[in-house]
Amino acid sequence: MKRSELREKSMITIYQNLLVNTDIDELIRDQFEMEPEKLDPYFHDVINTAISHKDEYAGYIDRVLEGWTFDRLGYIEKAILLLGCSEFAQKKVEAAVIIDECVELSKKYCDEDTYKLINRVLDII
């Protein structure tokens, strides 16, 4: 599976956790169709970090958003931003690659102009 596909499935796993707050390993099994320990360790860490540091990352995002808050964003937008923040924290992929991948996810899953918000927020963070 390509890294962009793994990243997309990671975003969907984070999204599902935001919606239903289900066990992460169960969500990984459902989304990736494999046992969590067989998932690429990088993406396992990205998912777990995004979820466990959600409040911290929301604080960063709130400081960047003008006249808006993390809580007011849609779940997909939240999941993409949490994914990006978590990948930044891993410090294993260049920031430009992370931002580009998150922008592409927003173009696929969000409203037409949402990619601009995702790009701006992640570029500042």
PDB file of N, CA and C in Angstrom:
ATOM      1  N   MET A   1       0.850  -1.172   0.000  1.00  0.00           N
ATOM      2  CA  MET A   1       0.000   0.000   0.000  1.00  0.00           C
ATOM      3  C   MET A   1       0.900   1.241   0.000  1.00  0.00           C
ATOM      4  N   LYS A   2       0.575   2.214  -0.836  1.00  0.00           N
ATOM      5  CA  LYS A   2       1.354   3.452  -0.926  1.00  0.00           C
ATOM      6  C   LYS A   2       1.192   4.282   0.343  1.00  0.00           C
ATOM      7  N   ARG A   3       2.178   5.119   0.608  1.00  0.00           N
ATOM      8  CA  ARG A   3       2.129   5.967   1.807  1.00  0.00           C
ATOM      9  C   ARG A   3       0.939   6.921   1.768  1.00  0.00           C
ATOM     10  N   SER A   4       0.587   7.418   0.589  1.00  0.00           N
ATOM     11  CA  SER A   4      -0.573   8.319   0.516  1.00  0.00           C
ATOM     12  C   SER A   4      -1.862   7.566   0.872  1.00  0.00           C
ATOM     13  N   GLU A   5      -1.943   6.290   0.499  1.00  0.00           N
ATOM     14  CA  GLU A   5      -3.113   5.475   0.873  1.00  0.00           C
ATOM     15  C   GLU A   5      -3.132   5.205   2.378  1.00  0.00           C
ATOM     16  N   LEU A   6      -1.961   4.933   2.938  1.00  0.00           N
ATOM     17  CA  LEU A   6      -1.865   4.733   4.381  1.00  0.00           C
ATOM     18  C   LEU A   6      -2.260   6.004   5.128  1.00  0.00           C
ATOM     19  N   ARG A   7      -1.836   7.143   4.585  1.00  0.00           N
ATOM     20  CA  ARG A   7      -2.169   8.430   5.193  1.00  0.00           C
ATOM     21  C   ARG A   7      -3.674   8.675   5.134  1.00  0.00           C
ATOM     22  N   GLU A   8      -4.292   8.362   4.010  1.00  0.00           N
ATOM     23  CA  GLU A   8      -5.734   8.536   3.863  1.00  0.00           C
ATOM     24  C   GLU A   8      -6.487   7.642   4.850  1.00  0.00           C
ATOM     25  N   LYS A   9      -6.080   6.395   4.951  1.00  0.00           N
ATOM     26  CA  LYS A   9      -6.727   5.480   5.892  1.00  0.00           C
ATOM     27  C   LYS A   9      -6.496   5.933   7.339  1.00  0.00           C
ATOM     28  N   SER A  10      -5.341   6.512   7.598  1.00  0.00           N
ATOM     29  CA  SER A  10      -5.060   7.050   8.936  1.00  0.00           C
ATOM     30  C   SER A  10      -6.000   8.201   9.251  1.00  0.00           C
ATOM     31  N   MET A  11      -6.206   9.083   8.279  1.00  0.00           N
ATOM     32  CA  MET A  11      -7.124  10.205   8.468  1.00  0.00           C
ATOM     33  C   MET A  11      -8.542   9.693   8.731  1.00  0.00           C
ATOM     34  N   ILE A  12      -8.963   8.683   7.997  1.00  0.00           N
ATOM     35  CA  ILE A  12     -10.303   8.128   8.175  1.00  0.00           C
ATOM     36  C   ILE A  12     -10.431   7.479   9.561  1.00  0.00           C
ATOM     37  N   THR A  13      -9.368   6.833  10.009  1.00  0.00           N
ATOM     38  CA  THR A  13      -9.375   6.229  11.342  1.00  0.00           C
ATOM     39  C   THR A  13      -9.514   7.306  12.420  1.00  0.00           C
ATOM     40  N   ILE A  14      -8.796   8.404  12.268  1.00  0.00           N
ATOM     41  CA  ILE A  14      -8.898   9.524  13.210  1.00  0.00           C
ATOM     42  C   ILE A  14     -10.310  10.100  13.165  1.00  0.00           C
ATOM     43  N   TYR A  15     -10.842  10.264  11.959  1.00  0.00           N
ATOM     44  CA  TYR A  15     -12.210  10.769  11.775  1.00  0.00           C
ATOM     45  C   TYR A  15     -13.219   9.879  12.507  1.00  0.00           C
ATOM     46  N   GLN A  16     -13.092   8.584  12.322  1.00  0.00           N
ATOM     47  CA  GLN A  16     -14.020   7.650  12.967  1.00  0.00           C
ATOM     48  C   GLN A  16     -13.918   7.735  14.487  1.00  0.00           C
ATOM     49  N   ASN A  17     -12.705   7.901  14.988  1.00  0.00           N
ATOM     50  CA  ASN A  17     -12.542   8.027  16.430  1.00  0.00           C
ATOM     51  C   ASN A  17     -13.192   9.309  16.945  1.00  0.00           C
ATOM     52  N   LEU A  18     -13.087  10.389  16.189  1.00  0.00           N
ATOM     53  CA  LEU A  18     -13.741  11.641  16.582  1.00  0.00           C
ATOM     54  C   LEU A  18     -15.259  11.466  16.641  1.00  0.00           C
ATOM     55  N   LEU A  19     -15.787  10.688  15.703  1.00  0.00           N
ATOM     56  CA  LEU A  19     -17.237  10.484  15.641  1.00  0.00           C
ATOM     57  C   LEU A  19     -17.760   9.576  16.742  1.00  0.00           C
ATOM     58  N   VAL A  20     -17.113   8.450  16.953  1.00  0.00           N
ATOM     59  CA  VAL A  20     -17.668   7.434  17.843  1.00  0.00           C
ATOM     60  C   VAL A  20     -16.787   7.091  19.036  1.00  0.00           C
ATOM     61  N   ASN A  21     -15.590   7.668  19.112  1.00  0.00           N
ATOM     62  CA  ASN A  21     -14.681   7.445  20.242  1.00  0.00           C
ATOM     63  C   ASN A  21     -14.539   5.960  20.567  1.00  0.00           C
ATOM     64  N   THR A  22     -14.329   5.154  19.534  1.00  0.00           N
ATOM     65  CA  THR A  22     -14.161   3.709  19.669  1.00  0.00           C
ATOM     66  C   THR A  22     -12.681   3.386  19.859  1.00  0.00           C
ATOM     67  N   ASP A  23     -12.397   2.208  20.362  1.00  0.00           N
ATOM     68  CA  ASP A  23     -11.038   1.726  20.547  1.00  0.00           C
ATOM     69  C   ASP A  23     -10.234   1.883  19.261  1.00  0.00           C
ATOM     70  N   ILE A  24      -9.044   2.459  19.379  1.00  0.00           N
ATOM     71  CA  ILE A  24      -8.210   2.743  18.208  1.00  0.00           C
ATOM     72  C   ILE A  24      -7.830   1.464  17.474  1.00  0.00           C
ATOM     73  N   ASP A  25      -7.448   0.432  18.217  1.00  0.00           N
ATOM     74  CA  ASP A  25      -7.053  -0.825  17.571  1.00  0.00           C
ATOM     75  C   ASP A  25      -8.208  -1.430  16.770  1.00  0.00           C
ATOM     76  N   GLU A  26      -9.406  -1.319  17.285  1.00  0.00           N
ATOM     77  CA  GLU A  26     -10.583  -1.819  16.559  1.00  0.00           C
ATOM     78  C   GLU A  26     -10.788  -1.032  15.266  1.00  0.00           C
ATOM     79  N   LEU A  27     -10.606   0.285  15.344  1.00  0.00           N
ATOM     80  CA  LEU A  27     -10.749   1.112  14.143  1.00  0.00           C
ATOM     81  C   LEU A  27      -9.665   0.784  13.118  1.00  0.00           C
ATOM     82  N   ILE A  28      -8.454   0.549  13.586  1.00  0.00           N
ATOM     83  CA  ILE A  28      -7.357   0.177  12.678  1.00  0.00           C
ATOM     84  C   ILE A  28      -7.672  -1.146  11.991  1.00  0.00           C
ATOM     85  N   ARG A  29      -8.156  -2.127  12.752  1.00  0.00           N
ATOM     86  CA  ARG A  29      -8.531  -3.424  12.149  1.00  0.00           C
ATOM     87  C   ARG A  29      -9.580  -3.227  11.056  1.00  0.00           C
ATOM     88  N   ASP A  30     -10.581  -2.407  11.341  1.00  0.00           N
ATOM     89  CA  ASP A  30     -11.657  -2.181  10.376  1.00  0.00           C
ATOM     90  C   ASP A  30     -11.164  -1.436   9.137  1.00  0.00           C
ATOM     91  N   GLN A  31     -10.405  -0.383   9.344  1.00  0.00           N
ATOM     92  CA  GLN A  31      -9.994   0.467   8.233  1.00  0.00           C
ATOM     93  C   GLN A  31      -8.872  -0.143   7.391  1.00  0.00           C
ATOM     94  N   PHE A  32      -7.877  -0.710   8.044  1.00  0.00           N
ATOM     95  CA  PHE A  32      -6.701  -1.226   7.330  1.00  0.00           C
ATOM     96  C   PHE A  32      -6.810  -2.713   7.015  1.00  0.00           C
ATOM     97  N   GLU A  33      -7.818  -3.372   7.600  1.00  0.00           N
ATOM     98  CA  GLU A  33      -8.027  -4.803   7.415  1.00  0.00           C
ATOM     99  C   GLU A  33      -6.780  -5.612   7.766  1.00  0.00           C
ATOM    100  N   MET A  34      -6.202  -5.257   8.922  1.00  0.00           N
ATOM    101  CA  MET A  34      -5.048  -5.976   9.453  1.00  0.00           C
ATOM    102  C   MET A  34      -4.970  -5.718  10.948  1.00  0.00           C
ATOM    103  N   GLU A  35      -4.187  -6.518  11.610  1.00  0.00           N
ATOM    104  CA  GLU A  35      -3.967  -6.320  13.031  1.00  0.00           C
ATOM    105  C   GLU A  35      -3.113  -5.065  13.224  1.00  0.00           C
ATOM    106  N   PRO A  36      -3.377  -4.300  14.257  1.00  0.00           N
ATOM    107  CA  PRO A  36      -2.637  -3.052  14.481  1.00  0.00           C
ATOM    108  C   PRO A  36      -1.117  -3.217  14.496  1.00  0.00           C
ATOM    109  N   GLU A  37      -0.627  -4.334  15.034  1.00  0.00           N
ATOM    110  CA  GLU A  37       0.826  -4.536  15.095  1.00  0.00           C
ATOM    111  C   GLU A  37       1.451  -4.771  13.715  1.00  0.00           C
ATOM    112  N   LYS A  38       0.633  -5.052  12.707  1.00  0.00           N
ATOM    113  CA  LYS A  38       1.146  -5.239  11.346  1.00  0.00           C
ATOM    114  C   LYS A  38       1.136  -3.941  10.529  1.00  0.00           C
ATOM    115  N   LEU A  39       0.478  -2.929  11.061  1.00  0.00           N
ATOM    116  CA  LEU A  39       0.445  -1.630  10.398  1.00  0.00           C
ATOM    117  C   LEU A  39       1.823  -0.993  10.475  1.00  0.00           C
ATOM    118  N   ASP A  40       2.202  -0.285   9.425  1.00  0.00           N
ATOM    119  CA  ASP A  40       3.455   0.472   9.417  1.00  0.00           C
ATOM    120  C   ASP A  40       3.550   1.254  10.735  1.00  0.00           C
ATOM    121  N   PRO A  41       4.616   1.056  11.507  1.00  0.00           N
ATOM    122  CA  PRO A  41       4.724   1.700  12.820  1.00  0.00           C
ATOM    123  C   PRO A  41       4.595   3.227  12.769  1.00  0.00           C
ATOM    124  N   TYR A  42       5.058   3.824  11.680  1.00  0.00           N
ATOM    125  CA  TYR A  42       4.932   5.282  11.546  1.00  0.00           C
ATOM    126  C   TYR A  42       3.465   5.698  11.600  1.00  0.00           C
ATOM    127  N   PHE A  43       2.619   5.039  10.830  1.00  0.00           N
ATOM    128  CA  PHE A  43       1.208   5.421  10.786  1.00  0.00           C
ATOM    129  C   PHE A  43       0.465   4.994  12.056  1.00  0.00           C
ATOM    130  N   HIS A  44       0.897   3.921  12.675  1.00  0.00           N
ATOM    131  CA  HIS A  44       0.319   3.547  13.963  1.00  0.00           C
ATOM    132  C   HIS A  44       0.588   4.669  14.967  1.00  0.00           C
ATOM    133  N   ASP A  45       1.816   5.175  14.978  1.00  0.00           N
ATOM    134  CA  ASP A  45       2.169   6.283  15.871  1.00  0.00           C
ATOM    135  C   ASP A  45       1.421   7.559  15.516  1.00  0.00           C
ATOM    136  N   VAL A  46       1.277   7.838  14.231  1.00  0.00           N
ATOM    137  CA  VAL A  46       0.563   9.045  13.789  1.00  0.00           C
ATOM    138  C   VAL A  46      -0.877   9.013  14.299  1.00  0.00           C
ATOM    139  N   ILE A  47      -1.546   7.897  14.132  1.00  0.00           N
ATOM    140  CA  ILE A  47      -2.942   7.776  14.567  1.00  0.00           C
ATOM    141  C   ILE A  47      -3.047   7.950  16.085  1.00  0.00           C
ATOM    142  N   ASN A  48      -2.236   7.211  16.819  1.00  0.00           N
ATOM    143  CA  ASN A  48      -2.294   7.275  18.278  1.00  0.00           C
ATOM    144  C   ASN A  48      -1.923   8.659  18.806  1.00  0.00           C
ATOM    145  N   THR A  49      -0.917   9.283  18.216  1.00  0.00           N
ATOM    146  CA  THR A  49      -0.510  10.619  18.645  1.00  0.00           C
ATOM    147  C   THR A  49      -1.602  11.637  18.348  1.00  0.00           C
ATOM    148  N   ALA A  50      -2.204  11.560  17.176  1.00  0.00           N
ATOM    149  CA  ALA A  50      -3.279  12.500  16.813  1.00  0.00           C
ATOM    150  C   ALA A  50      -4.421  12.437  17.818  1.00  0.00           C
ATOM    151  N   ILE A  51      -4.780  11.239  18.201  1.00  0.00           N
ATOM    152  CA  ILE A  51      -5.913  11.067  19.108  1.00  0.00           C
ATOM    153  C   ILE A  51      -5.534  11.435  20.547  1.00  0.00           C
ATOM    154  N   SER A  52      -4.370  11.006  20.981  1.00  0.00           N
ATOM    155  CA  SER A  52      -3.988  11.271  22.376  1.00  0.00           C
ATOM    156  C   SER A  52      -3.606  12.731  22.625  1.00  0.00           C
ATOM    157  N   HIS A  53      -3.207  13.460  21.576  1.00  0.00           N
ATOM    158  CA  HIS A  53      -2.823  14.870  21.719  1.00  0.00           C
ATOM    159  C   HIS A  53      -3.846  15.819  21.098  1.00  0.00           C
ATOM    160  N   LYS A  54      -5.044  15.330  20.899  1.00  0.00           N
ATOM    161  CA  LYS A  54      -6.094  16.123  20.247  1.00  0.00           C
ATOM    162  C   LYS A  54      -6.273  17.500  20.885  1.00  0.00           C
ATOM    163  N   ASP A  55      -6.383  17.560  22.202  1.00  0.00           N
ATOM    164  CA  ASP A  55      -6.614  18.838  22.878  1.00  0.00           C
ATOM    165  C   ASP A  55      -5.436  19.795  22.695  1.00  0.00           C
ATOM    166  N   GLU A  56      -4.237  19.267  22.769  1.00  0.00           N
ATOM    167  CA  GLU A  56      -3.038  20.078  22.558  1.00  0.00           C
ATOM    168  C   GLU A  56      -3.021  20.652  21.137  1.00  0.00           C
ATOM    169  N   TYR A  57      -3.258  19.790  20.146  1.00  0.00           N
ATOM    170  CA  TYR A  57      -3.260  20.234  18.755  1.00  0.00           C
ATOM    171  C   TYR A  57      -4.398  21.207  18.482  1.00  0.00           C
ATOM    172  N   ALA A  58      -5.551  20.976  19.108  1.00  0.00           N
ATOM    173  CA  ALA A  58      -6.686  21.896  18.956  1.00  0.00           C
ATOM    174  C   ALA A  58      -6.301  23.290  19.440  1.00  0.00           C
ATOM    175  N   GLY A  59      -5.521  23.355  20.511  1.00  0.00           N
ATOM    176  CA  GLY A  59      -5.048  24.644  21.018  1.00  0.00           C
ATOM    177  C   GLY A  59      -4.173  25.361  20.010  1.00  0.00           C
ATOM    178  N   TYR A  60      -3.269  24.627  19.347  1.00  0.00           N
ATOM    179  CA  TYR A  60      -2.432  25.223  18.299  1.00  0.00           C
ATOM    180  C   TYR A  60      -3.302  25.753  17.162  1.00  0.00           C
ATOM    181  N   ILE A  61      -4.247  24.943  16.763  1.00  0.00           N
ATOM    182  CA  ILE A  61      -5.121  25.296  15.638  1.00  0.00           C
ATOM    183  C   ILE A  61      -5.979  26.502  15.997  1.00  0.00           C
ATOM    184  N   ASP A  62      -6.506  26.546  17.219  1.00  0.00           N
ATOM    185  CA  ASP A  62      -7.305  27.694  17.663  1.00  0.00           C
ATOM    186  C   ASP A  62      -6.517  28.996  17.560  1.00  0.00           C
ATOM    187  N   ARG A  63      -5.222  28.961  17.873  1.00  0.00           N
ATOM    188  CA  ARG A  63      -4.394  30.171  17.810  1.00  0.00           C
ATOM    189  C   ARG A  63      -4.209  30.656  16.377  1.00  0.00           C
ATOM    190  N   VAL A  64      -4.298  29.752  15.422  1.00  0.00           N
ATOM    191  CA  VAL A  64      -4.107  30.118  14.013  1.00  0.00           C
ATOM    192  C   VAL A  64      -5.411  30.597  13.374  1.00  0.00           C
ATOM    193  N   LEU A  65      -6.509  29.966  13.741  1.00  0.00           N
ATOM    194  CA  LEU A  65      -7.803  30.327  13.162  1.00  0.00           C
ATOM    195  C   LEU A  65      -8.218  31.714  13.655  1.00  0.00           C
ATOM    196  N   GLU A  66      -8.694  32.525  12.754  1.00  0.00           N
ATOM    197  CA  GLU A  66      -9.133  33.869  13.116  1.00  0.00           C
ATOM    198  C   GLU A  66     -10.652  33.909  13.104  1.00  0.00           C
ATOM    199  N   GLY A  67     -11.242  34.196  14.256  1.00  0.00           N
ATOM    200  CA  GLY A  67     -12.693  34.261  14.335  1.00  0.00           C
ATOM    201  C   GLY A  67     -13.374  32.908  14.212  1.00  0.00           C
ATOM    202  N   TRP A  68     -12.644  31.869  14.497  1.00  0.00           N
ATOM    203  CA  TRP A  68     -13.161  30.507  14.369  1.00  0.00           C
ATOM    204  C   TRP A  68     -12.451  29.654  15.400  1.00  0.00           C
ATOM    205  N   THR A  69     -12.972  28.485  15.705  1.00  0.00           N
ATOM    206  CA  THR A  69     -12.296  27.575  16.632  1.00  0.00           C
ATOM    207  C   THR A  69     -12.278  26.162  16.058  1.00  0.00           C
ATOM    208  N   PHE A  70     -11.383  25.363  16.585  1.00  0.00           N
ATOM    209  CA  PHE A  70     -11.274  23.965  16.192  1.00  0.00           C
ATOM    210  C   PHE A  70     -12.605  23.245  16.373  1.00  0.00           C
ATOM    211  N   ASP A  71     -13.275  23.511  17.485  1.00  0.00           N
ATOM    212  CA  ASP A  71     -14.542  22.834  17.781  1.00  0.00           C
ATOM    213  C   ASP A  71     -15.628  23.113  16.746  1.00  0.00           C
ATOM    214  N   ARG A  72     -15.538  24.240  16.056  1.00  0.00           N
ATOM    215  CA  ARG A  72     -16.552  24.589  15.059  1.00  0.00           C
ATOM    216  C   ARG A  72     -16.295  23.956  13.694  1.00  0.00           C
ATOM    217  N   LEU A  73     -15.130  23.363  13.512  1.00  0.00           N
ATOM    218  CA  LEU A  73     -14.808  22.725  12.234  1.00  0.00           C
ATOM    219  C   LEU A  73     -15.565  21.404  12.111  1.00  0.00           C
ATOM    220  N   GLY A  74     -15.724  20.945  10.880  1.00  0.00           N
ATOM    221  CA  GLY A  74     -16.322  19.642  10.636  1.00  0.00           C
ATOM    222  C   GLY A  74     -15.353  18.531  11.045  1.00  0.00           C
ATOM    223  N   TYR A  75     -15.890  17.347  11.234  1.00  0.00           N
ATOM    224  CA  TYR A  75     -15.058  16.232  11.685  1.00  0.00           C
ATOM    225  C   TYR A  75     -13.955  15.860  10.690  1.00  0.00           C
ATOM    226  N   ILE A  76     -14.246  15.949   9.412  1.00  0.00           N
ATOM    227  CA  ILE A  76     -13.213  15.631   8.409  1.00  0.00           C
ATOM    228  C   ILE A  76     -12.087  16.651   8.477  1.00  0.00           C
ATOM    229  N   GLU A  77     -12.432  17.935   8.575  1.00  0.00           N
ATOM    230  CA  GLU A  77     -11.414  18.976   8.673  1.00  0.00           C
ATOM    231  C   GLU A  77     -10.575  18.773   9.934  1.00  0.00           C
ATOM    232  N   LYS A  78     -11.242  18.449  11.042  1.00  0.00           N
ATOM    233  CA  LYS A  78     -10.516  18.178  12.288  1.00  0.00           C
ATOM    234  C   LYS A  78      -9.552  17.013  12.096  1.00  0.00           C
ATOM    235  N   ALA A  79     -10.031  15.941  11.489  1.00  0.00           N
ATOM    236  CA  ALA A  79      -9.195  14.753  11.301  1.00  0.00           C
ATOM    237  C   ALA A  79      -7.976  15.060  10.433  1.00  0.00           C
ATOM    238  N   ILE A  80      -8.164  15.831   9.381  1.00  0.00           N
ATOM    239  CA  ILE A  80      -7.039  16.179   8.501  1.00  0.00           C
ATOM    240  C   ILE A  80      -6.027  17.035   9.254  1.00  0.00           C
ATOM    241  N   LEU A  81      -6.500  18.017  10.001  1.00  0.00           N
ATOM    242  CA  LEU A  81      -5.587  18.881  10.757  1.00  0.00           C
ATOM    243  C   LEU A  81      -4.871  18.110  11.870  1.00  0.00           C
ATOM    244  N   LEU A  82      -5.580  17.221  12.547  1.00  0.00           N
ATOM    245  CA  LEU A  82      -4.937  16.400  13.576  1.00  0.00           C
ATOM    246  C   LEU A  82      -3.885  15.487  12.963  1.00  0.00           C
ATOM    247  N   LEU A  83      -4.194  14.926  11.809  1.00  0.00           N
ATOM    248  CA  LEU A  83      -3.228  14.093  11.092  1.00  0.00           C
ATOM    249  C   LEU A  83      -1.972  14.903  10.795  1.00  0.00           C
ATOM    250  N   GLY A  84      -2.152  16.105  10.251  1.00  0.00           N
ATOM    251  CA  GLY A  84      -1.011  16.955   9.922  1.00  0.00           C
ATOM    252  C   GLY A  84      -0.183  17.306  11.145  1.00  0.00           C
ATOM    253  N   CYS A  85      -0.839  17.706  12.221  1.00  0.00           N
ATOM    254  CA  CYS A  85      -0.124  18.045  13.456  1.00  0.00           C
ATOM    255  C   CYS A  85       0.644  16.843  13.997  1.00  0.00           C
ATOM    256  N   SER A  86       0.014  15.689  13.950  1.00  0.00           N
ATOM    257  CA  SER A  86       0.659  14.478  14.440  1.00  0.00           C
ATOM    258  C   SER A  86       1.875  14.127  13.593  1.00  0.00           C
ATOM    259  N   GLU A  87       1.760  14.279  12.300  1.00  0.00           N
ATOM    260  CA  GLU A  87       2.912  13.994  11.437  1.00  0.00           C
ATOM    261  C   GLU A  87       4.035  14.993  11.679  1.00  0.00           C
ATOM    262  N   PHE A  88       3.693  16.259  11.906  1.00  0.00           N
ATOM    263  CA  PHE A  88       4.725  17.240  12.252  1.00  0.00           C
ATOM    264  C   PHE A  88       5.470  16.786  13.500  1.00  0.00           C
ATOM    265  N   ALA A  89       4.731  16.293  14.493  1.00  0.00           N
ATOM    266  CA  ALA A  89       5.322  15.870  15.758  1.00  0.00           C
ATOM    267  C   ALA A  89       6.267  14.676  15.579  1.00  0.00           C
ATOM    268  N   GLN A  90       5.996  13.825  14.603  1.00  0.00           N
ATOM    269  CA  GLN A  90       6.848  12.656  14.361  1.00  0.00           C
ATOM    270  C   GLN A  90       8.216  13.064  13.821  1.00  0.00           C
ATOM    271  N   LYS A  91       8.269  14.186  13.099  1.00  0.00           N
ATOM    272  CA  LYS A  91       9.516  14.735  12.526  1.00  0.00           C
ATOM    273  C   LYS A  91      10.251  13.732  11.633  1.00  0.00           C
ATOM    274  N   LYS A  92       9.470  12.976  10.850  1.00  0.00           N
ATOM    275  CA  LYS A  92      10.079  11.991   9.956  1.00  0.00           C
ATOM    276  C   LYS A  92       9.796  12.275   8.490  1.00  0.00           C
ATOM    277  N   VAL A  93       8.879  13.214   8.237  1.00  0.00           N
ATOM    278  CA  VAL A  93       8.513  13.574   6.867  1.00  0.00           C
ATOM    279  C   VAL A  93       8.603  15.096   6.771  1.00  0.00           C
ATOM    280  N   GLU A  94       9.070  15.581   5.634  1.00  0.00           N
ATOM    281  CA  GLU A  94       9.186  17.027   5.443  1.00  0.00           C
ATOM    282  C   GLU A  94       7.825  17.703   5.560  1.00  0.00           C
ATOM    283  N   ALA A  95       7.838  18.894   6.146  1.00  0.00           N
ATOM    284  CA  ALA A  95       6.592  19.650   6.353  1.00  0.00           C
ATOM    285  C   ALA A  95       5.859  19.881   5.034  1.00  0.00           C
ATOM    286  N   ALA A  96       6.582  20.191   3.975  1.00  0.00           N
ATOM    287  CA  ALA A  96       5.942  20.458   2.678  1.00  0.00           C
ATOM    288  C   ALA A  96       5.171  19.237   2.179  1.00  0.00           C
ATOM    289  N   VAL A  97       5.708  18.055   2.397  1.00  0.00           N
ATOM    290  CA  VAL A  97       5.038  16.820   1.974  1.00  0.00           C
ATOM    291  C   VAL A  97       3.765  16.613   2.791  1.00  0.00           C
ATOM    292  N   ILE A  98       3.862  16.821   4.094  1.00  0.00           N
ATOM    293  CA  ILE A  98       2.704  16.666   4.978  1.00  0.00           C
ATOM    294  C   ILE A  98       1.595  17.624   4.571  1.00  0.00           C
ATOM    295  N   ILE A  99       1.949  18.882   4.373  1.00  0.00           N
ATOM    296  CA  ILE A  99       0.953  19.892   3.990  1.00  0.00           C
ATOM    297  C   ILE A  99       0.317  19.535   2.658  1.00  0.00           C
ATOM    298  N   ASP A 100       1.131  19.148   1.685  1.00  0.00           N
ATOM    299  CA  ASP A 100       0.606  18.794   0.362  1.00  0.00           C
ATOM    300  C   ASP A 100      -0.354  17.611   0.450  1.00  0.00           C
ATOM    301  N   GLU A 101       0.001  16.591   1.204  1.00  0.00           N
ATOM    302  CA  GLU A 101      -0.869  15.417   1.346  1.00  0.00           C
ATOM    303  C   GLU A 101      -2.184  15.786   2.044  1.00  0.00           C
ATOM    304  N   CYS A 102      -2.108  16.637   3.058  1.00  0.00           N
ATOM    305  CA  CYS A 102      -3.325  17.062   3.762  1.00  0.00           C
ATOM    306  C   CYS A 102      -4.210  17.922   2.870  1.00  0.00           C
ATOM    307  N   VAL A 103      -3.604  18.755   2.060  1.00  0.00           N
ATOM    308  CA  VAL A 103      -4.368  19.564   1.102  1.00  0.00           C
ATOM    309  C   VAL A 103      -5.081  18.647   0.109  1.00  0.00           C
ATOM    310  N   GLU A 104      -4.391  17.630  -0.363  1.00  0.00           N
ATOM    311  CA  GLU A 104      -5.007  16.692  -1.304  1.00  0.00           C
ATOM    312  C   GLU A 104      -6.175  15.951  -0.647  1.00  0.00           C
ATOM    313  N   LEU A 105      -6.015  15.558   0.607  1.00  0.00           N
ATOM    314  CA  LEU A 105      -7.120  14.907   1.320  1.00  0.00           C
ATOM    315  C   LEU A 105      -8.314  15.851   1.448  1.00  0.00           C
ATOM    316  N   SER A 106      -8.041  17.115   1.726  1.00  0.00           N
ATOM    317  CA  SER A 106      -9.146  18.075   1.860  1.00  0.00           C
ATOM    318  C   SER A 106      -9.840  18.305   0.518  1.00  0.00           C
ATOM    319  N   LYS A 107      -9.104  18.282  -0.567  1.00  0.00           N
ATOM    320  CA  LYS A 107      -9.722  18.428  -1.887  1.00  0.00           C
ATOM    321  C   LYS A 107     -10.622  17.234  -2.200  1.00  0.00           C
ATOM    322  N   LYS A 108     -10.252  16.075  -1.700  1.00  0.00           N
ATOM    323  CA  LYS A 108     -11.024  14.861  -1.957  1.00  0.00           C
ATOM    324  C   LYS A 108     -12.254  14.763  -1.048  1.00  0.00           C
ATOM    325  N   TYR A 109     -12.137  15.168   0.215  1.00  0.00           N
ATOM    326  CA  TYR A 109     -13.180  14.902   1.196  1.00  0.00           C
ATOM    327  C   TYR A 109     -13.964  16.115   1.671  1.00  0.00           C
ATOM    328  N   CYS A 110     -13.494  17.306   1.402  1.00  0.00           N
ATOM    329  CA  CYS A 110     -14.117  18.502   1.983  1.00  0.00           C
ATOM    330  C   CYS A 110     -14.764  19.382   0.912  1.00  0.00           C
ATOM    331  N   ASP A 111     -15.373  20.458   1.382  1.00  0.00           N
ATOM    332  CA  ASP A 111     -15.936  21.443   0.464  1.00  0.00           C
ATOM    333  C   ASP A 111     -14.852  22.019  -0.432  1.00  0.00           C
ATOM    334  N   GLU A 112     -15.288  22.642  -1.502  1.00  0.00           N
ATOM    335  CA  GLU A 112     -14.405  23.106  -2.563  1.00  0.00           C
ATOM    336  C   GLU A 112     -13.220  23.956  -2.087  1.00  0.00           C
ATOM    337  N   ASP A 113     -13.436  24.910  -1.195  1.00  0.00           N
ATOM    338  CA  ASP A 113     -12.374  25.829  -0.792  1.00  0.00           C
ATOM    339  C   ASP A 113     -11.704  25.477   0.528  1.00  0.00           C
ATOM    340  N   THR A 114     -12.069  24.368   1.121  1.00  0.00           N
ATOM    341  CA  THR A 114     -11.513  23.995   2.428  1.00  0.00           C
ATOM    342  C   THR A 114     -10.013  23.770   2.365  1.00  0.00           C
ATOM    343  N   TYR A 115      -9.513  23.352   1.214  1.00  0.00           N
ATOM    344  CA  TYR A 115      -8.075  23.110   1.099  1.00  0.00           C
ATOM    345  C   TYR A 115      -7.269  24.358   1.440  1.00  0.00           C
ATOM    346  N   LYS A 116      -7.837  25.538   1.180  1.00  0.00           N
ATOM    347  CA  LYS A 116      -7.136  26.789   1.496  1.00  0.00           C
ATOM    348  C   LYS A 116      -6.959  26.933   3.006  1.00  0.00           C
ATOM    349  N   LEU A 117      -7.992  26.604   3.755  1.00  0.00           N
ATOM    350  CA  LEU A 117      -7.924  26.666   5.212  1.00  0.00           C
ATOM    351  C   LEU A 117      -6.899  25.664   5.736  1.00  0.00           C
ATOM    352  N   ILE A 118      -6.958  24.437   5.239  1.00  0.00           N
ATOM    353  CA  ILE A 118      -6.031  23.392   5.674  1.00  0.00           C
ATOM    354  C   ILE A 118      -4.593  23.820   5.380  1.00  0.00           C
ATOM    355  N   ASN A 119      -4.370  24.323   4.188  1.00  0.00           N
ATOM    356  CA  ASN A 119      -3.035  24.768   3.781  1.00  0.00           C
ATOM    357  C   ASN A 119      -2.537  25.899   4.689  1.00  0.00           C
ATOM    358  N   ARG A 120      -3.379  26.897   4.938  1.00  0.00           N
ATOM    359  CA  ARG A 120      -2.967  28.048   5.733  1.00  0.00           C
ATOM    360  C   ARG A 120      -2.665  27.649   7.171  1.00  0.00           C
ATOM    361  N   VAL A 121      -3.554  26.870   7.774  1.00  0.00           N
ATOM    362  CA  VAL A 121      -3.364  26.467   9.170  1.00  0.00           C
ATOM    363  C   VAL A 121      -2.096  25.641   9.330  1.00  0.00           C
ATOM    364  N   LEU A 122      -1.902  24.630   8.486  1.00  0.00           N
ATOM    365  CA  LEU A 122      -0.724  23.779   8.619  1.00  0.00           C
ATOM    366  C   LEU A 122       0.558  24.521   8.267  1.00  0.00           C
ATOM    367  N   ASP A 123       0.466  25.461   7.334  1.00  0.00           N
ATOM    368  CA  ASP A 123       1.647  26.249   6.964  1.00  0.00           C
ATOM    369  C   ASP A 123       2.116  27.110   8.142  1.00  0.00           C
ATOM    370  N   ILE A 124       1.182  27.634   8.916  1.00  0.00           N
ATOM    371  CA  ILE A 124       1.540  28.480  10.060  1.00  0.00           C
ATOM    372  C   ILE A 124       2.031  27.634  11.227  1.00  0.00           C
ATOM    373  N   ILE A 125       1.379  26.509  11.452  1.00  0.00           N
ATOM    374  CA  ILE A 125       1.785  25.631  12.564  1.00  0.00           C
ATOM    375  C   ILE A 125       3.171  25.103  12.287  1.00  0.00           C
TER     376      ILE A 125
END
